[in-house]
Amino acid sequence: MHLVTVIAPTIRPRPDPYATTAEFYDILQADEDEALVRRLYGPAVAKARQGVLDIGAGTGRVTLMSLAESGADVHAVEPSRAMRTALTTRLAALPASWDRVTVYPRPLDEAALHQVADVAVCHNTVACLPPAARRTLWPSIGAALSPGGSLLLHLPPARLPALDVVRVFPERRIGRHEYGGRMVMSAVGDRIRARVDYRVRARGSVLREHTETFWMWPASRSALVRDLEHHGFVPSPRPTDAAVLEMTLRHGRAAGAGATTRAG
C-alpha cells in the first residue's frame, strides 16, 4: 500500500476587480453608456467590413452596438469573469448573432489575434491601465488590426483633479428595491482613486452597501499619440469627439514593430 498525500496549491486566483461593479453596472450606468458608445463609435463601426475589435468589452455595450450597426464579425476581449458573465448572458439571448461574435476571456496580448479587424474600439478601459500595461496593449492592437485599420480610443483624464469629483448615479427601482450609488474621484500621488459606493434600499431602509475602488492613470492626448506613433499608428485626419482619439495603422508597418514589451 502506498500512502498518497495531496497538498492543496497555495496559489490563489487574483480577485476580480469588477466583482461588485458587475452587479450594479447595467442597472445604474448602462443606459447612459449605451447612448454614448453609439454616438462616439457608431459611424466608424458601421463602416467596418472585416471585423470589429472590442477591447475591454465589459457587459457588452460596444459589442452589441457593433453587431447591430455592422455586418462584420465582432471580437470581444474581456478578462473579467464577472463582467464577461453579463456579456455572454446577453449574447445568449441573440442566437442569430452567434456566428459573428467571439468572446475572449483573457487580455488582448494573450489572445494572439492577428489582423482580425479593420476597426478597434477601446472604450472606458485605458484610464485604468498603468503605463506599463498600456505599452503592452499598443502592439497587441497593431497585431489585431489590418493595415489601414482604425483605432478609436476613449481618452483617460488628461490630468489629476484639483478637487474631488463626485458623480451620483440616478436611482433605479426594480420591484420593491431601489438601487443607487456614487463615484468619487480623488487625486492620490500620480494616480486617481475612483471609489464607487453602491446601495440597495427598500422603504427607506438600506438593505445592502458595497464599495469598490479603481485606480486611474492620467495621460494627455498628445502623450498617447506619441506612444501609438511608436507602434505604427498615425493620427486620423477625421474630426472626432473630444473624448476620443482616432488613430490609423500605417500600411506596410510590421505588426508590433517598435514594441518595448494590457490587460484588454
C-alpha atoms as a PDB file:
ATOM      1  CA  MET A   1       0.000   0.000   0.000  1.00  0.00           C
ATOM      2  CA  HIS A   2       1.257   3.440  -0.901  1.00  0.00           C
ATOM      3  CA  LEU A   3       0.209   6.496   1.030  1.00  0.00           C
ATOM      4  CA  VAL A   4      -0.563   9.393  -1.279  1.00  0.00           C
ATOM      5  CA  THR A   5      -0.568  12.888   0.186  1.00  0.00           C
ATOM      6  CA  VAL A   6      -2.332  15.619  -1.743  1.00  0.00           C
ATOM      7  CA  ILE A   7      -1.267  19.170  -0.951  1.00  0.00           C
ATOM      8  CA  ALA A   8      -3.612  21.931  -1.978  1.00  0.00           C
ATOM      9  CA  PRO A   9      -1.944  24.594  -4.124  1.00  0.00           C
ATOM     10  CA  THR A  10      -1.086  27.788  -2.293  1.00  0.00           C
ATOM     11  CA  ILE A  11      -1.548  29.990  -5.357  1.00  0.00           C
ATOM     12  CA  ARG A  12      -4.990  31.527  -5.400  1.00  0.00           C
ATOM     13  CA  PRO A  13      -6.577  33.254  -8.352  1.00  0.00           C
ATOM     14  CA  ARG A  14      -6.408  37.031  -8.245  1.00  0.00           C
ATOM     15  CA  PRO A  15      -9.664  38.655  -7.118  1.00  0.00           C
ATOM     16  CA  ASP A  16     -11.783  40.077  -9.919  1.00  0.00           C
ATOM     17  CA  PRO A  17     -11.648  43.877  -9.607  1.00  0.00           C
ATOM     18  CA  TYR A  18     -15.127  44.130 -11.136  1.00  0.00           C
ATOM     19  CA  ALA A  19     -16.844  41.514  -8.976  1.00  0.00           C
ATOM     20  CA  THR A  20     -19.020  44.122  -7.240  1.00  0.00           C
ATOM     21  CA  THR A  21     -19.472  46.573 -10.104  1.00  0.00           C
ATOM     22  CA  ALA A  22     -20.703  43.852 -12.468  1.00  0.00           C
ATOM     23  CA  GLU A  23     -23.894  43.504 -10.419  1.00  0.00           C
ATOM     24  CA  PHE A  24     -24.697  47.212 -10.491  1.00  0.00           C
ATOM     25  CA  TYR A  25     -23.277  48.486 -13.777  1.00  0.00           C
ATOM     26  CA  ASP A  26     -26.150  47.524 -16.087  1.00  0.00           C
ATOM     27  CA  ILE A  27     -28.695  48.923 -13.639  1.00  0.00           C
ATOM     28  CA  LEU A  28     -27.047  52.256 -12.850  1.00  0.00           C
ATOM     29  CA  GLN A  29     -24.813  53.169 -15.800  1.00  0.00           C
ATOM     30  CA  ALA A  30     -25.560  51.123 -18.909  1.00  0.00           C
ATOM     31  CA  ASP A  31     -28.385  53.245 -20.378  1.00  0.00           C
ATOM     32  CA  GLU A  32     -26.201  56.351 -20.415  1.00  0.00           C
ATOM     33  CA  ASP A  33     -23.211  54.383 -21.660  1.00  0.00           C
ATOM     34  CA  GLU A  34     -25.226  52.777 -24.468  1.00  0.00           C
ATOM     35  CA  ALA A  35     -26.160  56.181 -25.879  1.00  0.00           C
ATOM     36  CA  LEU A  36     -22.555  57.344 -25.506  1.00  0.00           C
ATOM     37  CA  VAL A  37     -20.941  54.445 -27.363  1.00  0.00           C
ATOM     38  CA  ARG A  38     -23.444  54.743 -30.188  1.00  0.00           C
ATOM     39  CA  ARG A  39     -22.602  58.419 -30.574  1.00  0.00           C
ATOM     40  CA  LEU A  40     -18.839  58.058 -30.223  1.00  0.00           C
ATOM     41  CA  TYR A  41     -18.233  54.923 -32.282  1.00  0.00           C
ATOM     42  CA  GLY A  42     -21.374  54.106 -34.261  1.00  0.00           C
ATOM     43  CA  PRO A  43     -20.404  55.829 -37.545  1.00  0.00           C
ATOM     44  CA  ALA A  44     -16.942  54.211 -37.634  1.00  0.00           C
ATOM     45  CA  VAL A  45     -18.232  50.775 -36.651  1.00  0.00           C
ATOM     46  CA  ALA A  46     -20.881  50.944 -39.388  1.00  0.00           C
ATOM     47  CA  LYS A  47     -18.056  51.144 -41.955  1.00  0.00           C
ATOM     48  CA  ALA A  48     -16.279  48.015 -40.694  1.00  0.00           C
ATOM     49  CA  ARG A  49     -16.007  45.289 -43.320  1.00  0.00           C
ATOM     50  CA  GLN A  50     -13.503  42.801 -41.946  1.00  0.00           C
ATOM     51  CA  GLY A  51     -14.224  42.904 -38.223  1.00  0.00           C
ATOM     52  CA  VAL A  52     -14.686  44.985 -35.078  1.00  0.00           C
ATOM     53  CA  LEU A  53     -12.382  44.520 -32.090  1.00  0.00           C
ATOM     54  CA  ASP A  54     -13.936  45.493 -28.732  1.00  0.00           C
ATOM     55  CA  ILE A  55     -11.093  45.881 -26.222  1.00  0.00           C
ATOM     56  CA  GLY A  56     -12.345  45.704 -22.646  1.00  0.00           C
ATOM     57  CA  ALA A  57     -15.868  44.710 -23.677  1.00  0.00           C
ATOM     58  CA  GLY A  58     -17.339  44.820 -20.169  1.00  0.00           C
ATOM     59  CA  THR A  59     -21.004  43.844 -20.168  1.00  0.00           C
ATOM     60  CA  GLY A  60     -21.227  44.398 -23.915  1.00  0.00           C
ATOM     61  CA  ARG A  61     -22.383  47.883 -24.894  1.00  0.00           C
ATOM     62  CA  VAL A  62     -19.865  48.266 -27.723  1.00  0.00           C
ATOM     63  CA  THR A  63     -20.196  44.608 -28.720  1.00  0.00           C
ATOM     64  CA  LEU A  64     -23.977  44.745 -29.068  1.00  0.00           C
ATOM     65  CA  MET A  65     -23.845  48.099 -30.862  1.00  0.00           C
ATOM     66  CA  SER A  66     -21.307  46.640 -33.290  1.00  0.00           C
ATOM     67  CA  LEU A  67     -23.493  43.627 -34.021  1.00  0.00           C
ATOM     68  CA  ALA A  68     -26.400  45.965 -34.757  1.00  0.00           C
ATOM     69  CA  GLU A  69     -24.538  48.599 -36.798  1.00  0.00           C
ATOM     70  CA  SER A  70     -22.170  46.407 -38.811  1.00  0.00           C
ATOM     71  CA  GLY A  71     -22.357  43.125 -40.687  1.00  0.00           C
ATOM     72  CA  ALA A  72     -18.740  42.335 -39.764  1.00  0.00           C
ATOM     73  CA  ASP A  73     -17.531  39.815 -37.213  1.00  0.00           C
ATOM     74  CA  VAL A  74     -17.064  41.113 -33.665  1.00  0.00           C
ATOM     75  CA  HIS A  75     -14.187  40.120 -31.370  1.00  0.00           C
ATOM     76  CA  ALA A  76     -14.945  40.963 -27.723  1.00  0.00           C
ATOM     77  CA  VAL A  77     -11.986  40.876 -25.330  1.00  0.00           C
ATOM     78  CA  GLU A  78     -12.912  40.845 -21.632  1.00  0.00           C
ATOM     79  CA  PRO A  79     -10.656  39.304 -18.943  1.00  0.00           C
ATOM     80  CA  SER A  80     -13.027  39.995 -16.019  1.00  0.00           C
ATOM     81  CA  ARG A  81     -15.135  36.922 -15.344  1.00  0.00           C
ATOM     82  CA  ALA A  82     -17.833  38.958 -13.604  1.00  0.00           C
ATOM     83  CA  MET A  83     -18.236  41.399 -16.490  1.00  0.00           C
ATOM     84  CA  ARG A  84     -17.872  38.663 -19.087  1.00  0.00           C
ATOM     85  CA  THR A  85     -20.680  36.652 -17.492  1.00  0.00           C
ATOM     86  CA  ALA A  86     -23.069  39.561 -18.064  1.00  0.00           C
ATOM     87  CA  LEU A  87     -21.810  39.881 -21.643  1.00  0.00           C
ATOM     88  CA  THR A  88     -22.251  36.214 -22.530  1.00  0.00           C
ATOM     89  CA  THR A  89     -25.663  36.096 -20.840  1.00  0.00           C
ATOM     90  CA  ARG A  90     -26.740  38.990 -23.027  1.00  0.00           C
ATOM     91  CA  LEU A  91     -25.353  37.288 -26.145  1.00  0.00           C
ATOM     92  CA  ALA A  92     -27.198  34.087 -25.236  1.00  0.00           C
ATOM     93  CA  ALA A  93     -30.447  35.919 -25.978  1.00  0.00           C
ATOM     94  CA  LEU A  94     -29.212  36.723 -29.526  1.00  0.00           C
ATOM     95  CA  PRO A  95     -28.676  33.323 -31.184  1.00  0.00           C
ATOM     96  CA  ALA A  96     -28.891  34.880 -34.661  1.00  0.00           C
ATOM     97  CA  SER A  97     -25.582  36.658 -33.904  1.00  0.00           C
ATOM     98  CA  TRP A  98     -23.664  33.697 -32.512  1.00  0.00           C
ATOM     99  CA  ASP A  99     -21.785  33.022 -35.739  1.00  0.00           C
ATOM    100  CA  ARG A 100     -20.496  36.616 -35.814  1.00  0.00           C
ATOM    101  CA  VAL A 101     -19.224  37.204 -32.271  1.00  0.00           C
ATOM    102  CA  THR A 102     -16.331  35.653 -30.367  1.00  0.00           C
ATOM    103  CA  VAL A 103     -15.605  36.380 -26.688  1.00  0.00           C
ATOM    104  CA  TYR A 104     -12.004  36.136 -25.474  1.00  0.00           C
ATOM    105  CA  PRO A 105     -11.599  35.573 -21.693  1.00  0.00           C
ATOM    106  CA  ARG A 106      -8.086  36.974 -21.436  1.00  0.00           C
ATOM    107  CA  PRO A 107      -6.128  40.176 -22.052  1.00  0.00           C
ATOM    108  CA  LEU A 108      -5.593  41.166 -25.670  1.00  0.00           C
ATOM    109  CA  ASP A 109      -1.846  40.469 -25.550  1.00  0.00           C
ATOM    110  CA  GLU A 110      -2.667  36.869 -24.569  1.00  0.00           C
ATOM    111  CA  ALA A 111      -5.434  36.406 -27.138  1.00  0.00           C
ATOM    112  CA  ALA A 112      -2.915  36.375 -30.017  1.00  0.00           C
ATOM    113  CA  LEU A 113      -5.257  37.933 -32.567  1.00  0.00           C
ATOM    114  CA  HIS A 114      -3.751  38.683 -35.969  1.00  0.00           C
ATOM    115  CA  GLN A 115      -5.378  41.047 -38.473  1.00  0.00           C
ATOM    116  CA  VAL A 116      -8.944  40.138 -37.479  1.00  0.00           C
ATOM    117  CA  ALA A 117     -10.456  43.639 -37.636  1.00  0.00           C
ATOM    118  CA  ASP A 118     -10.394  46.907 -39.532  1.00  0.00           C
ATOM    119  CA  VAL A 119     -11.956  48.859 -36.625  1.00  0.00           C
ATOM    120  CA  ALA A 120     -10.876  48.614 -32.973  1.00  0.00           C
ATOM    121  CA  VAL A 121     -12.736  50.300 -30.114  1.00  0.00           C
ATOM    122  CA  CYS A 122     -11.235  50.716 -26.651  1.00  0.00           C
ATOM    123  CA  HIS A 123     -13.976  52.286 -24.533  1.00  0.00           C
ATOM    124  CA  ASN A 124     -13.631  53.213 -20.866  1.00  0.00           C
ATOM    125  CA  THR A 125     -10.593  50.964 -20.460  1.00  0.00           C
ATOM    126  CA  VAL A 126      -7.255  52.717 -20.988  1.00  0.00           C
ATOM    127  CA  ALA A 127      -7.737  55.030 -17.999  1.00  0.00           C
ATOM    128  CA  CYS A 128      -7.485  52.031 -15.647  1.00  0.00           C
ATOM    129  CA  LEU A 129      -4.294  50.661 -17.199  1.00  0.00           C
ATOM    130  CA  PRO A 130      -0.939  51.666 -15.697  1.00  0.00           C
ATOM    131  CA  PRO A 131       1.684  52.907 -18.173  1.00  0.00           C
ATOM    132  CA  ALA A 132       3.430  49.520 -18.438  1.00  0.00           C
ATOM    133  CA  ALA A 133       0.173  47.779 -19.325  1.00  0.00           C
ATOM    134  CA  ARG A 134      -0.560  50.424 -21.965  1.00  0.00           C
ATOM    135  CA  ARG A 135       2.810  49.751 -23.581  1.00  0.00           C
ATOM    136  CA  THR A 136       1.816  46.097 -23.821  1.00  0.00           C
ATOM    137  CA  LEU A 137      -1.576  46.957 -25.278  1.00  0.00           C
ATOM    138  CA  TRP A 138      -0.440  49.102 -28.221  1.00  0.00           C
ATOM    139  CA  PRO A 139       1.472  46.417 -30.182  1.00  0.00           C
ATOM    140  CA  SER A 140      -1.305  43.913 -29.461  1.00  0.00           C
ATOM    141  CA  ILE A 141      -3.810  46.256 -31.098  1.00  0.00           C
ATOM    142  CA  GLY A 142      -1.432  46.750 -34.021  1.00  0.00           C
ATOM    143  CA  ALA A 143      -1.238  42.985 -34.497  1.00  0.00           C
ATOM    144  CA  ALA A 144      -5.020  42.521 -34.321  1.00  0.00           C
ATOM    145  CA  LEU A 145      -5.761  45.299 -36.831  1.00  0.00           C
ATOM    146  CA  SER A 146      -5.250  45.094 -40.570  1.00  0.00           C
ATOM    147  CA  PRO A 147      -3.006  47.778 -42.135  1.00  0.00           C
ATOM    148  CA  GLY A 148      -5.111  50.888 -42.658  1.00  0.00           C
ATOM    149  CA  GLY A 149      -7.417  49.892 -39.808  1.00  0.00           C
ATOM    150  CA  SER A 150      -8.744  52.420 -37.301  1.00  0.00           C
ATOM    151  CA  LEU A 151      -8.372  52.549 -33.526  1.00  0.00           C
ATOM    152  CA  LEU A 152     -10.888  54.618 -31.554  1.00  0.00           C
ATOM    153  CA  LEU A 153      -9.603  55.185 -28.066  1.00  0.00           C
ATOM    154  CA  HIS A 154     -11.699  56.613 -25.218  1.00  0.00           C
ATOM    155  CA  LEU A 155      -9.269  59.066 -23.631  1.00  0.00           C
ATOM    156  CA  PRO A 156      -8.348  58.868 -19.939  1.00  0.00           C
ATOM    157  CA  PRO A 157      -8.384  62.037 -17.823  1.00  0.00           C
ATOM    158  CA  ALA A 158      -5.656  64.360 -19.047  1.00  0.00           C
ATOM    159  CA  ARG A 159      -4.625  65.440 -15.548  1.00  0.00           C
ATOM    160  CA  LEU A 160      -5.230  64.869 -11.864  1.00  0.00           C
ATOM    161  CA  PRO A 161      -8.368  66.522 -10.455  1.00  0.00           C
ATOM    162  CA  ALA A 162      -7.647  69.582  -8.301  1.00  0.00           C
ATOM    163  CA  LEU A 163     -10.671  68.742  -6.135  1.00  0.00           C
ATOM    164  CA  ASP A 164     -12.719  65.626  -5.564  1.00  0.00           C
ATOM    165  CA  VAL A 165     -15.096  64.911  -8.446  1.00  0.00           C
ATOM    166  CA  VAL A 166     -18.407  63.372  -7.382  1.00  0.00           C
ATOM    167  CA  ARG A 167     -20.771  61.609  -9.761  1.00  0.00           C
ATOM    168  CA  VAL A 168     -24.126  60.492  -8.397  1.00  0.00           C
ATOM    169  CA  PHE A 169     -25.856  57.676 -10.269  1.00  0.00           C
ATOM    170  CA  PRO A 170     -29.591  58.053 -10.904  1.00  0.00           C
ATOM    171  CA  GLU A 171     -31.618  55.714  -8.735  1.00  0.00           C
ATOM    172  CA  ARG A 172     -33.346  52.787 -10.395  1.00  0.00           C
ATOM    173  CA  ARG A 173     -36.237  50.809  -8.962  1.00  0.00           C
ATOM    174  CA  ILE A 174     -36.510  47.077  -9.566  1.00  0.00           C
ATOM    175  CA  GLY A 175     -39.592  45.655  -7.908  1.00  0.00           C
ATOM    176  CA  ARG A 176     -39.536  46.711  -4.266  1.00  0.00           C
ATOM    177  CA  HIS A 177     -35.860  47.656  -4.239  1.00  0.00           C
ATOM    178  CA  GLU A 178     -34.120  50.920  -5.158  1.00  0.00           C
ATOM    179  CA  TYR A 179     -30.566  50.779  -6.497  1.00  0.00           C
ATOM    180  CA  GLY A 180     -28.263  53.777  -6.296  1.00  0.00           C
ATOM    181  CA  GLY A 181     -24.742  54.923  -5.684  1.00  0.00           C
ATOM    182  CA  ARG A 182     -21.999  57.389  -6.465  1.00  0.00           C
ATOM    183  CA  MET A 183     -18.406  57.616  -7.658  1.00  0.00           C
ATOM    184  CA  VAL A 184     -15.800  59.894  -6.038  1.00  0.00           C
ATOM    185  CA  MET A 185     -12.599  60.599  -7.970  1.00  0.00           C
ATOM    186  CA  SER A 186      -9.645  61.914  -5.926  1.00  0.00           C
ATOM    187  CA  ALA A 187      -6.003  62.619  -6.688  1.00  0.00           C
ATOM    188  CA  VAL A 188      -3.599  60.337  -4.804  1.00  0.00           C
ATOM    189  CA  GLY A 189       0.034  60.830  -5.783  1.00  0.00           C
ATOM    190  CA  ASP A 190       0.275  60.455  -9.562  1.00  0.00           C
ATOM    191  CA  ARG A 191      -2.958  58.433  -9.786  1.00  0.00           C
ATOM    192  CA  ILE A 192      -6.681  58.988  -9.495  1.00  0.00           C
ATOM    193  CA  ARG A 193      -8.604  56.913  -6.972  1.00  0.00           C
ATOM    194  CA  ALA A 194     -12.148  56.210  -8.115  1.00  0.00           C
ATOM    195  CA  ARG A 195     -14.199  54.940  -5.172  1.00  0.00           C
ATOM    196  CA  VAL A 196     -17.619  53.614  -6.115  1.00  0.00           C
ATOM    197  CA  ASP A 197     -20.275  53.168  -3.424  1.00  0.00           C
ATOM    198  CA  TYR A 198     -23.394  51.140  -4.185  1.00  0.00           C
ATOM    199  CA  ARG A 199     -26.521  50.670  -2.099  1.00  0.00           C
ATOM    200  CA  VAL A 200     -29.831  48.853  -2.255  1.00  0.00           C
ATOM    201  CA  ARG A 201     -32.776  50.239  -0.281  1.00  0.00           C
ATOM    202  CA  ALA A 202     -36.349  49.253   0.420  1.00  0.00           C
ATOM    203  CA  ARG A 203     -38.903  51.570   2.035  1.00  0.00           C
ATOM    204  CA  GLY A 204     -36.150  53.973   3.031  1.00  0.00           C
ATOM    205  CA  SER A 205     -34.028  51.372   4.781  1.00  0.00           C
ATOM    206  CA  VAL A 206     -30.623  50.290   3.462  1.00  0.00           C
ATOM    207  CA  LEU A 207     -30.561  46.571   2.697  1.00  0.00           C
ATOM    208  CA  ARG A 208     -27.032  46.349   1.288  1.00  0.00           C
ATOM    209  CA  GLU A 209     -23.997  48.557   0.768  1.00  0.00           C
ATOM    210  CA  HIS A 210     -20.906  47.761  -1.296  1.00  0.00           C
ATOM    211  CA  THR A 211     -17.735  49.632  -2.194  1.00  0.00           C
ATOM    212  CA  GLU A 212     -15.227  49.038  -4.969  1.00  0.00           C
ATOM    213  CA  THR A 213     -12.103  51.083  -5.703  1.00  0.00           C
ATOM    214  CA  PHE A 214     -10.405  51.543  -9.062  1.00  0.00           C
ATOM    215  CA  TRP A 215      -7.172  53.333  -9.916  1.00  0.00           C
ATOM    216  CA  MET A 216      -6.706  55.530 -12.966  1.00  0.00           C
ATOM    217  CA  TRP A 217      -3.595  56.956 -14.606  1.00  0.00           C
ATOM    218  CA  PRO A 218      -3.975  60.329 -16.379  1.00  0.00           C
ATOM    219  CA  ALA A 219      -2.466  60.871 -19.829  1.00  0.00           C
ATOM    220  CA  SER A 220      -2.733  63.702 -22.319  1.00  0.00           C
ATOM    221  CA  ARG A 221      -3.913  63.221 -25.884  1.00  0.00           C
ATOM    222  CA  SER A 222      -0.505  64.252 -27.207  1.00  0.00           C
ATOM    223  CA  ALA A 223       1.295  61.730 -24.995  1.00  0.00           C
ATOM    224  CA  LEU A 224      -0.926  58.896 -26.220  1.00  0.00           C
ATOM    225  CA  VAL A 225      -0.425  59.981 -29.832  1.00  0.00           C
ATOM    226  CA  ARG A 226       3.342  59.777 -29.350  1.00  0.00           C
ATOM    227  CA  ASP A 227       3.104  56.332 -27.769  1.00  0.00           C
ATOM    228  CA  LEU A 228       0.914  54.983 -30.568  1.00  0.00           C
ATOM    229  CA  GLU A 229       3.071  56.521 -33.289  1.00  0.00           C
ATOM    230  CA  HIS A 230       5.949  54.440 -31.916  1.00  0.00           C
ATOM    231  CA  HIS A 231       3.861  51.344 -32.697  1.00  0.00           C
ATOM    232  CA  GLY A 232       2.946  52.192 -36.268  1.00  0.00           C
ATOM    233  CA  PHE A 233      -0.135  54.389 -35.830  1.00  0.00           C
ATOM    234  CA  VAL A 234      -0.760  57.854 -37.221  1.00  0.00           C
ATOM    235  CA  PRO A 235      -3.473  60.338 -36.184  1.00  0.00           C
ATOM    236  CA  SER A 236      -6.615  60.177 -38.303  1.00  0.00           C
ATOM    237  CA  PRO A 237      -7.459  63.394 -40.166  1.00  0.00           C
ATOM    238  CA  ARG A 238     -11.164  62.859 -39.476  1.00  0.00           C
ATOM    239  CA  PRO A 239     -12.668  65.029 -36.725  1.00  0.00           C
ATOM    240  CA  THR A 240     -13.794  63.141 -33.627  1.00  0.00           C
ATOM    241  CA  ASP A 241     -15.425  63.894 -30.314  1.00  0.00           C
ATOM    242  CA  ALA A 242     -13.041  65.485 -27.804  1.00  0.00           C
ATOM    243  CA  ALA A 243     -13.340  62.347 -25.656  1.00  0.00           C
ATOM    244  CA  VAL A 244     -11.995  60.079 -28.414  1.00  0.00           C
ATOM    245  CA  LEU A 245      -8.617  59.691 -30.080  1.00  0.00           C
ATOM    246  CA  GLU A 246      -8.734  58.084 -33.531  1.00  0.00           C
ATOM    247  CA  MET A 247      -5.542  56.603 -34.946  1.00  0.00           C
ATOM    248  CA  THR A 248      -4.865  54.676 -38.152  1.00  0.00           C
ATOM    249  CA  LEU A 249      -2.444  51.758 -38.515  1.00  0.00           C
ATOM    250  CA  ARG A 250       0.006  52.592 -41.270  1.00  0.00           C
ATOM    251  CA  HIS A 251       0.141  50.409 -44.369  1.00  0.00           C
ATOM    252  CA  GLY A 252       3.336  48.413 -44.610  1.00  0.00           C
ATOM    253  CA  ARG A 253       4.093  48.639 -40.898  1.00  0.00           C
ATOM    254  CA  ALA A 254       5.010  45.305 -39.366  1.00  0.00           C
ATOM    255  CA  ALA A 255       2.627  44.379 -36.565  1.00  0.00           C
ATOM    256  CA  GLY A 256       4.132  45.210 -33.213  1.00  0.00           C
ATOM    257  CA  ALA A 257       7.212  46.858 -34.708  1.00  0.00           C
ATOM    258  CA  GLY A 258       8.963  49.091 -32.243  1.00  0.00           C
ATOM    259  CA  ALA A 259       7.275  47.444 -29.246  1.00  0.00           C
ATOM    260  CA  THR A 260       9.183  47.501 -25.966  1.00  0.00           C
ATOM    261  CA  THR A 261       7.151  44.949 -24.446  1.00  0.00           C
ATOM    262  CA  ARG A 262      -2.534  45.147 -21.040  1.00  0.00           C
ATOM    263  CA  ALA A 263      -4.771  43.716 -19.973  1.00  0.00           C
ATOM    264  CA  GLY A 264      -7.603  44.064 -22.515  1.00  0.00           C
END
